[in-house]
Amino acid sequence: MVQKMYFVCICGTSYGNLGFDERERIRENLRRRIESAGIRFVEYCWVWDENDKCLLVAGTYERLEDAEQWITSLESLGFEIEIRTRLPGEDSEAPGIRRGWDS
């Protein structure tokens, strides 16, 4: 049985039809904004949503209640947060693929 997971994501702007360098600039600007707020991650796990919006996975939790304080803190710093139970592209991955955030 697969455990339902909650992904706490910090939202960036839309990638639209931008090329790699412009997308990298969006990620870099969001990373700098996060770090200027005093937050630093060991690994930055970038994904994008169905609308091509840049998302940074800021935490993975088995229970949403465990994430509430982190979500509140991020929102108080002015970040837009999305809670997801699935990440984009999960359905298209080959069986056995292990992502960095898998346990």
PDB file of N, CA and C in Angstrom:
ATOM      1  N   MET A   1       0.840  -1.185   0.000  1.00  0.00           N
ATOM      2  CA  MET A   1       0.000   0.000   0.000  1.00  0.00           C
ATOM      3  C   MET A   1       0.886   1.251   0.000  1.00  0.00           C
ATOM      4  N   VAL A   2       0.604   2.158  -0.898  1.00  0.00           N
ATOM      5  CA  VAL A   2       1.377   3.392  -1.022  1.00  0.00           C
ATOM      6  C   VAL A   2       0.820   4.425  -0.050  1.00  0.00           C
ATOM      7  N   GLN A   3       1.708   4.999   0.741  1.00  0.00           N
ATOM      8  CA  GLN A   3       1.340   6.032   1.710  1.00  0.00           C
ATOM      9  C   GLN A   3       1.068   7.347   0.981  1.00  0.00           C
ATOM     10  N   LYS A   4      -0.033   8.000   1.298  1.00  0.00           N
ATOM     11  CA  LYS A   4      -0.326   9.314   0.727  1.00  0.00           C
ATOM     12  C   LYS A   4       0.663  10.316   1.313  1.00  0.00           C
ATOM     13  N   MET A   5       1.261  11.128   0.450  1.00  0.00           N
ATOM     14  CA  MET A   5       2.219  12.128   0.885  1.00  0.00           C
ATOM     15  C   MET A   5       1.688  13.514   0.541  1.00  0.00           C
ATOM     16  N   TYR A   6       2.091  14.478   1.352  1.00  0.00           N
ATOM     17  CA  TYR A   6       1.757  15.872   1.117  1.00  0.00           C
ATOM     18  C   TYR A   6       3.044  16.608   0.792  1.00  0.00           C
ATOM     19  N   PHE A   7       3.052  17.294  -0.347  1.00  0.00           N
ATOM     20  CA  PHE A   7       4.208  18.052  -0.780  1.00  0.00           C
ATOM     21  C   PHE A   7       3.916  19.530  -0.569  1.00  0.00           C
ATOM     22  N   VAL A   8       4.716  20.197   0.240  1.00  0.00           N
ATOM     23  CA  VAL A   8       4.602  21.630   0.469  1.00  0.00           C
ATOM     24  C   VAL A   8       5.504  22.306  -0.565  1.00  0.00           C
ATOM     25  N   CYS A   9       4.908  23.128  -1.420  1.00  0.00           N
ATOM     26  CA  CYS A   9       5.658  23.757  -2.505  1.00  0.00           C
ATOM     27  C   CYS A   9       5.587  25.273  -2.401  1.00  0.00           C
ATOM     28  N   ILE A  10       6.730  25.907  -2.605  1.00  0.00           N
ATOM     29  CA  ILE A  10       6.798  27.364  -2.713  1.00  0.00           C
ATOM     30  C   ILE A  10       6.631  27.699  -4.186  1.00  0.00           C
ATOM     31  N   CYS A  11       5.703  28.615  -4.480  1.00  0.00           N
ATOM     32  CA  CYS A  11       5.373  28.945  -5.862  1.00  0.00           C
ATOM     33  C   CYS A  11       6.228  30.089  -6.385  1.00  0.00           C
ATOM     34  N   GLY A  12       6.679  29.907  -7.594  1.00  0.00           N
ATOM     35  CA  GLY A  12       7.352  30.970  -8.330  1.00  0.00           C
ATOM     36  C   GLY A  12       6.426  31.453  -9.434  1.00  0.00           C
ATOM     37  N   THR A  13       6.997  32.103 -10.415  1.00  0.00           N
ATOM     38  CA  THR A  13       6.205  32.607 -11.532  1.00  0.00           C
ATOM     39  C   THR A  13       6.097  31.549 -12.627  1.00  0.00           C
ATOM     40  N   SER A  14       5.359  31.870 -13.660  1.00  0.00           N
ATOM     41  CA  SER A  14       5.147  30.943 -14.764  1.00  0.00           C
ATOM     42  C   SER A  14       6.374  30.893 -15.661  1.00  0.00           C
ATOM     43  N   TYR A  15       6.667  29.682 -16.118  1.00  0.00           N
ATOM     44  CA  TYR A  15       7.742  29.510 -17.100  1.00  0.00           C
ATOM     45  C   TYR A  15       7.267  29.891 -18.497  1.00  0.00           C
ATOM     46  N   GLY A  16       5.953  29.815 -18.720  1.00  0.00           N
ATOM     47  CA  GLY A  16       5.411  30.132 -20.040  1.00  0.00           C
ATOM     48  C   GLY A  16       6.130  29.358 -21.122  1.00  0.00           C
ATOM     49  N   ASN A  17       6.489  30.030 -22.170  1.00  0.00           N
ATOM     50  CA  ASN A  17       7.229  29.407 -23.274  1.00  0.00           C
ATOM     51  C   ASN A  17       8.697  29.804 -23.230  1.00  0.00           C
ATOM     52  N   LEU A  18       9.231  29.996 -22.035  1.00  0.00           N
ATOM     53  CA  LEU A  18      10.609  30.469 -21.890  1.00  0.00           C
ATOM     54  C   LEU A  18      11.607  29.356 -22.153  1.00  0.00           C
ATOM     55  N   GLY A  19      12.786  29.756 -22.584  1.00  0.00           N
ATOM     56  CA  GLY A  19      13.883  28.820 -22.799  1.00  0.00           C
ATOM     57  C   GLY A  19      14.566  28.485 -21.487  1.00  0.00           C
ATOM     58  N   PHE A  20      15.576  27.601 -21.557  1.00  0.00           N
ATOM     59  CA  PHE A  20      16.252  27.122 -20.356  1.00  0.00           C
ATOM     60  C   PHE A  20      16.854  28.258 -19.541  1.00  0.00           C
ATOM     61  N   ASP A  21      17.571  29.196 -20.174  1.00  0.00           N
ATOM     62  CA  ASP A  21      18.221  30.279 -19.425  1.00  0.00           C
ATOM     63  C   ASP A  21      17.213  31.138 -18.679  1.00  0.00           C
ATOM     64  N   GLU A  22      16.089  31.445 -19.323  1.00  0.00           N
ATOM     65  CA  GLU A  22      15.059  32.253 -18.661  1.00  0.00           C
ATOM     66  C   GLU A  22      14.412  31.487 -17.515  1.00  0.00           C
ATOM     67  N   ARG A  23      14.200  30.175 -17.707  1.00  0.00           N
ATOM     68  CA  ARG A  23      13.651  29.342 -16.626  1.00  0.00           C
ATOM     69  C   ARG A  23      14.625  29.281 -15.457  1.00  0.00           C
ATOM     70  N   GLU A  24      15.887  29.156 -15.769  1.00  0.00           N
ATOM     71  CA  GLU A  24      16.917  29.130 -14.722  1.00  0.00           C
ATOM     72  C   GLU A  24      16.937  30.448 -13.956  1.00  0.00           C
ATOM     73  N   ARG A  25      16.714  31.558 -14.629  1.00  0.00           N
ATOM     74  CA  ARG A  25      16.665  32.870 -13.974  1.00  0.00           C
ATOM     75  C   ARG A  25      15.491  32.939 -12.994  1.00  0.00           C
ATOM     76  N   ILE A  26      14.343  32.375 -13.371  1.00  0.00           N
ATOM     77  CA  ILE A  26      13.185  32.333 -12.465  1.00  0.00           C
ATOM     78  C   ILE A  26      13.524  31.528 -11.218  1.00  0.00           C
ATOM     79  N   ARG A  27      14.136  30.351 -11.403  1.00  0.00           N
ATOM     80  CA  ARG A  27      14.526  29.518 -10.255  1.00  0.00           C
ATOM     81  C   ARG A  27      15.546  30.242  -9.376  1.00  0.00           C
ATOM     82  N   GLU A  28      16.522  30.877  -9.997  1.00  0.00           N
ATOM     83  CA  GLU A  28      17.559  31.582  -9.242  1.00  0.00           C
ATOM     84  C   GLU A  28      16.967  32.749  -8.451  1.00  0.00           C
ATOM     85  N   ASN A  29      16.047  33.493  -9.054  1.00  0.00           N
ATOM     86  CA  ASN A  29      15.410  34.613  -8.337  1.00  0.00           C
ATOM     87  C   ASN A  29      14.612  34.117  -7.136  1.00  0.00           C
ATOM     88  N   LEU A  30      13.891  33.020  -7.289  1.00  0.00           N
ATOM     89  CA  LEU A  30      13.131  32.469  -6.166  1.00  0.00           C
ATOM     90  C   LEU A  30      14.083  31.943  -5.086  1.00  0.00           C
ATOM     91  N   ARG A  31      15.140  31.269  -5.505  1.00  0.00           N
ATOM     92  CA  ARG A  31      16.125  30.765  -4.535  1.00  0.00           C
ATOM     93  C   ARG A  31      16.732  31.917  -3.735  1.00  0.00           C
ATOM     94  N   ARG A  32      17.096  32.992  -4.393  1.00  0.00           N
ATOM     95  CA  ARG A  32      17.673  34.161  -3.690  1.00  0.00           C
ATOM     96  C   ARG A  32      16.666  34.784  -2.725  1.00  0.00           C
ATOM     97  N   ARG A  33      15.416  34.867  -3.156  1.00  0.00           N
ATOM     98  CA  ARG A  33      14.367  35.412  -2.279  1.00  0.00           C
ATOM     99  C   ARG A  33      14.202  34.545  -1.034  1.00  0.00           C
ATOM    100  N   ILE A  34      14.227  33.238  -1.213  1.00  0.00           N
ATOM    101  CA  ILE A  34      14.102  32.302  -0.095  1.00  0.00           C
ATOM    102  C   ILE A  34      15.301  32.441   0.840  1.00  0.00           C
ATOM    103  N   GLU A  35      16.480  32.478   0.284  1.00  0.00           N
ATOM    104  CA  GLU A  35      17.689  32.582   1.109  1.00  0.00           C
ATOM    105  C   GLU A  35      17.795  33.938   1.796  1.00  0.00           C
ATOM    106  N   SER A  36      17.275  34.993   1.168  1.00  0.00           N
ATOM    107  CA  SER A  36      17.295  36.304   1.838  1.00  0.00           C
ATOM    108  C   SER A  36      16.339  36.330   3.030  1.00  0.00           C
ATOM    109  N   ALA A  37      15.400  35.388   3.056  1.00  0.00           N
ATOM    110  CA  ALA A  37      14.490  35.247   4.203  1.00  0.00           C
ATOM    111  C   ALA A  37      15.104  34.355   5.284  1.00  0.00           C
ATOM    112  N   GLY A  38      16.334  33.895   5.055  1.00  0.00           N
ATOM    113  CA  GLY A  38      17.025  33.092   6.061  1.00  0.00           C
ATOM    114  C   GLY A  38      16.794  31.598   5.936  1.00  0.00           C
ATOM    115  N   ILE A  39      16.267  31.158   4.790  1.00  0.00           N
ATOM    116  CA  ILE A  39      15.985  29.736   4.586  1.00  0.00           C
ATOM    117  C   ILE A  39      16.956  29.200   3.549  1.00  0.00           C
ATOM    118  N   ARG A  40      17.558  28.078   3.864  1.00  0.00           N
ATOM    119  CA  ARG A  40      18.470  27.438   2.917  1.00  0.00           C
ATOM    120  C   ARG A  40      18.180  25.946   2.913  1.00  0.00           C
ATOM    121  N   PHE A  41      18.075  25.375   1.750  1.00  0.00           N
ATOM    122  CA  PHE A  41      17.837  23.948   1.606  1.00  0.00           C
ATOM    123  C   PHE A  41      19.129  23.243   1.211  1.00  0.00           C
ATOM    124  N   VAL A  42      19.279  22.007   1.630  1.00  0.00           N
ATOM    125  CA  VAL A  42      20.432  21.205   1.224  1.00  0.00           C
ATOM    126  C   VAL A  42      20.318  20.901  -0.267  1.00  0.00           C
ATOM    127  N   GLU A  43      19.094  20.629  -0.697  1.00  0.00           N
ATOM    128  CA  GLU A  43      18.832  20.329  -2.109  1.00  0.00           C
ATOM    129  C   GLU A  43      17.597  21.095  -2.536  1.00  0.00           C
ATOM    130  N   TYR A  44      17.664  21.694  -3.723  1.00  0.00           N
ATOM    131  CA  TYR A  44      16.528  22.424  -4.271  1.00  0.00           C
ATOM    132  C   TYR A  44      15.852  21.540  -5.315  1.00  0.00           C
ATOM    133  N   CYS A  45      14.666  21.057  -4.986  1.00  0.00           N
ATOM    134  CA  CYS A  45      13.921  20.146  -5.859  1.00  0.00           C
ATOM    135  C   CYS A  45      12.861  20.950  -6.610  1.00  0.00           C
ATOM    136  N   TRP A  46      13.136  21.262  -7.869  1.00  0.00           N
ATOM    137  CA  TRP A  46      12.253  22.082  -8.687  1.00  0.00           C
ATOM    138  C   TRP A  46      11.316  21.207  -9.502  1.00  0.00           C
ATOM    139  N   VAL A  47      10.051  21.580  -9.534  1.00  0.00           N
ATOM    140  CA  VAL A  47       9.053  20.939 -10.387  1.00  0.00           C
ATOM    141  C   VAL A  47       8.211  22.064 -10.993  1.00  0.00           C
ATOM    142  N   TRP A  48       7.288  21.721 -11.857  1.00  0.00           N
ATOM    143  CA  TRP A  48       6.361  22.719 -12.378  1.00  0.00           C
ATOM    144  C   TRP A  48       4.988  22.105 -12.453  1.00  0.00           C
ATOM    145  N   ASP A  49       3.997  22.976 -12.386  1.00  0.00           N
ATOM    146  CA  ASP A  49       2.627  22.481 -12.345  1.00  0.00           C
ATOM    147  C   ASP A  49       2.009  22.435 -13.736  1.00  0.00           C
ATOM    148  N   GLU A  50       0.745  22.095 -13.776  1.00  0.00           N
ATOM    149  CA  GLU A  50       0.015  21.942 -15.033  1.00  0.00           C
ATOM    150  C   GLU A  50      -0.074  23.253 -15.807  1.00  0.00           C
ATOM    151  N   ASN A  51       0.068  24.373 -15.131  1.00  0.00           N
ATOM    152  CA  ASN A  51       0.029  25.693 -15.767  1.00  0.00           C
ATOM    153  C   ASN A  51       1.423  26.232 -16.039  1.00  0.00           C
ATOM    154  N   ASP A  52       2.426  25.377 -15.893  1.00  0.00           N
ATOM    155  CA  ASP A  52       3.829  25.707 -16.163  1.00  0.00           C
ATOM    156  C   ASP A  52       4.398  26.712 -15.154  1.00  0.00           C
ATOM    157  N   LYS A  53       3.869  26.675 -13.925  1.00  0.00           N
ATOM    158  CA  LYS A  53       4.361  27.541 -12.859  1.00  0.00           C
ATOM    159  C   LYS A  53       5.516  26.845 -12.143  1.00  0.00           C
ATOM    160  N   CYS A  54       6.560  27.575 -11.852  1.00  0.00           N
ATOM    161  CA  CYS A  54       7.724  27.062 -11.124  1.00  0.00           C
ATOM    162  C   CYS A  54       7.337  26.750  -9.675  1.00  0.00           C
ATOM    163  N   LEU A  55       7.691  25.557  -9.210  1.00  0.00           N
ATOM    164  CA  LEU A  55       7.431  25.148  -7.827  1.00  0.00           C
ATOM    165  C   LEU A  55       8.709  24.583  -7.218  1.00  0.00           C
ATOM    166  N   LEU A  56       8.966  24.943  -5.977  1.00  0.00           N
ATOM    167  CA  LEU A  56      10.078  24.366  -5.216  1.00  0.00           C
ATOM    168  C   LEU A  56       9.484  23.498  -4.120  1.00  0.00           C
ATOM    169  N   VAL A  57       9.835  22.219  -4.105  1.00  0.00           N
ATOM    170  CA  VAL A  57       9.352  21.329  -3.052  1.00  0.00           C
ATOM    171  C   VAL A  57      10.104  21.695  -1.775  1.00  0.00           C
ATOM    172  N   ALA A  58       9.360  22.227  -0.798  1.00  0.00           N
ATOM    173  CA  ALA A  58       9.954  22.718   0.444  1.00  0.00           C
ATOM    174  C   ALA A  58       9.784  21.744   1.598  1.00  0.00           C
ATOM    175  N   GLY A  59       9.056  20.654   1.368  1.00  0.00           N
ATOM    176  CA  GLY A  59       8.871  19.655   2.412  1.00  0.00           C
ATOM    177  C   GLY A  59       7.922  18.570   1.953  1.00  0.00           C
ATOM    178  N   THR A  60       8.127  17.372   2.482  1.00  0.00           N
ATOM    179  CA  THR A  60       7.284  16.225   2.184  1.00  0.00           C
ATOM    180  C   THR A  60       6.835  15.620   3.506  1.00  0.00           C
ATOM    181  N   TYR A  61       5.532  15.441   3.662  1.00  0.00           N
ATOM    182  CA  TYR A  61       4.977  15.005   4.936  1.00  0.00           C
ATOM    183  C   TYR A  61       3.958  13.895   4.735  1.00  0.00           C
ATOM    184  N   GLU A  62       3.903  12.972   5.668  1.00  0.00           N
ATOM    185  CA  GLU A  62       2.882  11.923   5.645  1.00  0.00           C
ATOM    186  C   GLU A  62       1.555  12.445   6.179  1.00  0.00           C
ATOM    187  N   ARG A  63       1.619  13.438   7.080  1.00  0.00           N
ATOM    188  CA  ARG A  63       0.401  14.024   7.663  1.00  0.00           C
ATOM    189  C   ARG A  63       0.453  15.534   7.447  1.00  0.00           C
ATOM    190  N   LEU A  64      -0.616  16.087   6.922  1.00  0.00           N
ATOM    191  CA  LEU A  64      -0.671  17.519   6.669  1.00  0.00           C
ATOM    192  C   LEU A  64      -0.501  18.323   7.961  1.00  0.00           C
ATOM    193  N   GLU A  65      -1.010  17.788   9.062  1.00  0.00           N
ATOM    194  CA  GLU A  65      -0.891  18.478  10.358  1.00  0.00           C
ATOM    195  C   GLU A  65       0.579  18.721  10.731  1.00  0.00           C
ATOM    196  N   ASP A  66       1.461  17.822  10.312  1.00  0.00           N
ATOM    197  CA  ASP A  66       2.890  17.972  10.621  1.00  0.00           C
ATOM    198  C   ASP A  66       3.516  19.144   9.868  1.00  0.00           C
ATOM    199  N   ALA A  67       2.881  19.571   8.792  1.00  0.00           N
ATOM    200  CA  ALA A  67       3.425  20.648   7.959  1.00  0.00           C
ATOM    201  C   ALA A  67       2.859  22.020   8.301  1.00  0.00           C
ATOM    202  N   GLU A  68       1.842  22.081   9.133  1.00  0.00           N
ATOM    203  CA  GLU A  68       1.119  23.336   9.349  1.00  0.00           C
ATOM    204  C   GLU A  68       1.997  24.486   9.828  1.00  0.00           C
ATOM    205  N   GLN A  69       2.887  24.233  10.767  1.00  0.00           N
ATOM    206  CA  GLN A  69       3.742  25.312  11.277  1.00  0.00           C
ATOM    207  C   GLN A  69       4.694  25.809  10.174  1.00  0.00           C
ATOM    208  N   TRP A  70       5.231  24.901   9.384  1.00  0.00           N
ATOM    209  CA  TRP A  70       6.131  25.273   8.293  1.00  0.00           C
ATOM    210  C   TRP A  70       5.379  26.092   7.243  1.00  0.00           C
ATOM    211  N   ILE A  71       4.171  25.669   6.916  1.00  0.00           N
ATOM    212  CA  ILE A  71       3.355  26.394   5.944  1.00  0.00           C
ATOM    213  C   ILE A  71       3.066  27.806   6.450  1.00  0.00           C
ATOM    214  N   THR A  72       2.664  27.917   7.704  1.00  0.00           N
ATOM    215  CA  THR A  72       2.374  29.225   8.307  1.00  0.00           C
ATOM    216  C   THR A  72       3.596  30.127   8.290  1.00  0.00           C
ATOM    217  N   SER A  73       4.757  29.565   8.609  1.00  0.00           N
ATOM    218  CA  SER A  73       6.001  30.346   8.606  1.00  0.00           C
ATOM    219  C   SER A  73       6.335  30.853   7.204  1.00  0.00           C
ATOM    220  N   LEU A  74       6.233  29.986   6.211  1.00  0.00           N
ATOM    221  CA  LEU A  74       6.530  30.390   4.838  1.00  0.00           C
ATOM    222  C   LEU A  74       5.567  31.464   4.351  1.00  0.00           C
ATOM    223  N   GLU A  75       4.295  31.297   4.660  1.00  0.00           N
ATOM    224  CA  GLU A  75       3.308  32.296   4.248  1.00  0.00           C
ATOM    225  C   GLU A  75       3.547  33.627   4.954  1.00  0.00           C
ATOM    226  N   SER A  76       3.974  33.592   6.218  1.00  0.00           N
ATOM    227  CA  SER A  76       4.237  34.840   6.949  1.00  0.00           C
ATOM    228  C   SER A  76       5.426  35.597   6.364  1.00  0.00           C
ATOM    229  N   LEU A  77       6.284  34.888   5.637  1.00  0.00           N
ATOM    230  CA  LEU A  77       7.420  35.518   4.968  1.00  0.00           C
ATOM    231  C   LEU A  77       7.057  36.015   3.569  1.00  0.00           C
ATOM    232  N   GLY A  78       5.784  35.849   3.200  1.00  0.00           N
ATOM    233  CA  GLY A  78       5.303  36.367   1.926  1.00  0.00           C
ATOM    234  C   GLY A  78       5.347  35.390   0.769  1.00  0.00           C
ATOM    235  N   PHE A  79       5.600  34.118   1.040  1.00  0.00           N
ATOM    236  CA  PHE A  79       5.647  33.131  -0.034  1.00  0.00           C
ATOM    237  C   PHE A  79       4.263  32.556  -0.289  1.00  0.00           C
ATOM    238  N   GLU A  80       3.970  32.351  -1.562  1.00  0.00           N
ATOM    239  CA  GLU A  80       2.743  31.654  -1.940  1.00  0.00           C
ATOM    240  C   GLU A  80       3.036  30.156  -1.866  1.00  0.00           C
ATOM    241  N   ILE A  81       2.147  29.429  -1.206  1.00  0.00           N
ATOM    242  CA  ILE A  81       2.356  28.000  -0.961  1.00  0.00           C
ATOM    243  C   ILE A  81       1.254  27.188  -1.619  1.00  0.00           C
ATOM    244  N   GLU A  82       1.626  26.056  -2.178  1.00  0.00           N
ATOM    245  CA  GLU A  82       0.667  25.075  -2.671  1.00  0.00           C
ATOM    246  C   GLU A  82       0.931  23.770  -1.948  1.00  0.00           C
ATOM    247  N   ILE A  83      -0.139  23.091  -1.589  1.00  0.00           N
ATOM    248  CA  ILE A  83      -0.038  21.756  -1.003  1.00  0.00           C
ATOM    249  C   ILE A  83      -0.512  20.780  -2.080  1.00  0.00           C
ATOM    250  N   ARG A  84       0.314  19.814  -2.373  1.00  0.00           N
ATOM    251  CA  ARG A  84      -0.028  18.846  -3.415  1.00  0.00           C
ATOM    252  C   ARG A  84       0.078  17.439  -2.853  1.00  0.00           C
ATOM    253  N   THR A  85      -0.765  16.560  -3.340  1.00  0.00           N
ATOM    254  CA  THR A  85      -0.666  15.151  -2.963  1.00  0.00           C
ATOM    255  C   THR A  85      -0.020  14.345  -4.083  1.00  0.00           C
ATOM    256  N   ARG A  86       0.175  14.969  -5.212  1.00  0.00           N
ATOM    257  CA  ARG A  86       0.872  14.359  -6.345  1.00  0.00           C
ATOM    258  C   ARG A  86       1.728  15.434  -6.988  1.00  0.00           C
ATOM    259  N   LEU A  87       2.827  15.015  -7.549  1.00  0.00           N
ATOM    260  CA  LEU A  87       3.673  15.954  -8.272  1.00  0.00           C
ATOM    261  C   LEU A  87       3.473  15.749  -9.765  1.00  0.00           C
ATOM    262  N   PRO A  88       3.604  16.821 -10.531  1.00  0.00           N
ATOM    263  CA  PRO A  88       3.442  16.701 -11.978  1.00  0.00           C
ATOM    264  C   PRO A  88       4.410  15.667 -12.548  1.00  0.00           C
ATOM    265  N   GLY A  89       3.914  14.879 -13.481  1.00  0.00           N
ATOM    266  CA  GLY A  89       4.766  13.903 -14.145  1.00  0.00           C
ATOM    267  C   GLY A  89       4.832  12.547 -13.476  1.00  0.00           C
ATOM    268  N   GLU A  90       4.252  12.391 -12.288  1.00  0.00           N
ATOM    269  CA  GLU A  90       4.325  11.100 -11.599  1.00  0.00           C
ATOM    270  C   GLU A  90       3.709   9.976 -12.423  1.00  0.00           C
ATOM    271  N   ASP A  91       2.647  10.270 -13.142  1.00  0.00           N
ATOM    272  CA  ASP A  91       1.986   9.239 -13.938  1.00  0.00           C
ATOM    273  C   ASP A  91       2.814   8.791 -15.132  1.00  0.00           C
ATOM    274  N   SER A  92       3.733   9.649 -15.581  1.00  0.00           N
ATOM    275  CA  SER A  92       4.497   9.324 -16.788  1.00  0.00           C
ATOM    276  C   SER A  92       5.844   8.679 -16.480  1.00  0.00           C
ATOM    277  N   GLU A  93       6.198   8.524 -15.203  1.00  0.00           N
ATOM    278  CA  GLU A  93       7.490   7.936 -14.846  1.00  0.00           C
ATOM    279  C   GLU A  93       7.470   6.428 -15.016  1.00  0.00           C
ATOM    280  N   ALA A  94       8.595   5.911 -15.429  1.00  0.00           N
ATOM    281  CA  ALA A  94       8.736   4.463 -15.565  1.00  0.00           C
ATOM    282  C   ALA A  94       8.779   3.830 -14.176  1.00  0.00           C
ATOM    283  N   PRO A  95       8.251   2.617 -14.038  1.00  0.00           N
ATOM    284  CA  PRO A  95       8.301   1.937 -12.735  1.00  0.00           C
ATOM    285  C   PRO A  95       9.746   1.783 -12.264  1.00  0.00           C
ATOM    286  N   GLY A  96       9.938   1.951 -10.984  1.00  0.00           N
ATOM    287  CA  GLY A  96      11.274   1.771 -10.413  1.00  0.00           C
ATOM    288  C   GLY A  96      12.124   3.019 -10.384  1.00  0.00           C
ATOM    289  N   ILE A  97      11.632   4.131 -10.949  1.00  0.00           N
ATOM    290  CA  ILE A  97      12.394   5.378 -10.905  1.00  0.00           C
ATOM    291  C   ILE A  97      12.401   5.865  -9.466  1.00  0.00           C
ATOM    292  N   ARG A  98      13.552   6.262  -8.980  1.00  0.00           N
ATOM    293  CA  ARG A  98      13.673   6.787  -7.614  1.00  0.00           C
ATOM    294  C   ARG A  98      14.086   8.237  -7.703  1.00  0.00           C
ATOM    295  N   ARG A  99      13.198   9.101  -7.203  1.00  0.00           N
ATOM    296  CA  ARG A  99      13.505  10.529  -7.175  1.00  0.00           C
ATOM    297  C   ARG A  99      14.189  10.861  -5.860  1.00  0.00           C
ATOM    298  N   GLY A 100      14.817  12.004  -5.812  1.00  0.00           N
ATOM    299  CA  GLY A 100      15.543  12.415  -4.617  1.00  0.00           C
ATOM    300  C   GLY A 100      14.701  12.541  -3.364  1.00  0.00           C
ATOM    301  N   TRP A 101      13.401  12.780  -3.527  1.00  0.00           N
ATOM    302  CA  TRP A 101      12.552  12.968  -2.336  1.00  0.00           C
ATOM    303  C   TRP A 101      11.841  11.679  -1.938  1.00  0.00           C
ATOM    304  N   ASP A 102      12.038  10.585  -2.697  1.00  0.00           N
ATOM    305  CA  ASP A 102      11.453   9.303  -2.303  1.00  0.00           C
ATOM    306  C   ASP A 102      12.216   8.739  -1.104  1.00  0.00           C
ATOM    307  N   SER A 103      11.500   8.041  -0.207  1.00  0.00           N
ATOM    308  CA  SER A 103      12.200   7.416   0.918  1.00  0.00           C
ATOM    309  C   SER A 103      12.616   6.020   0.575  1.00  0.00           C
TER     310      SER A 103
END
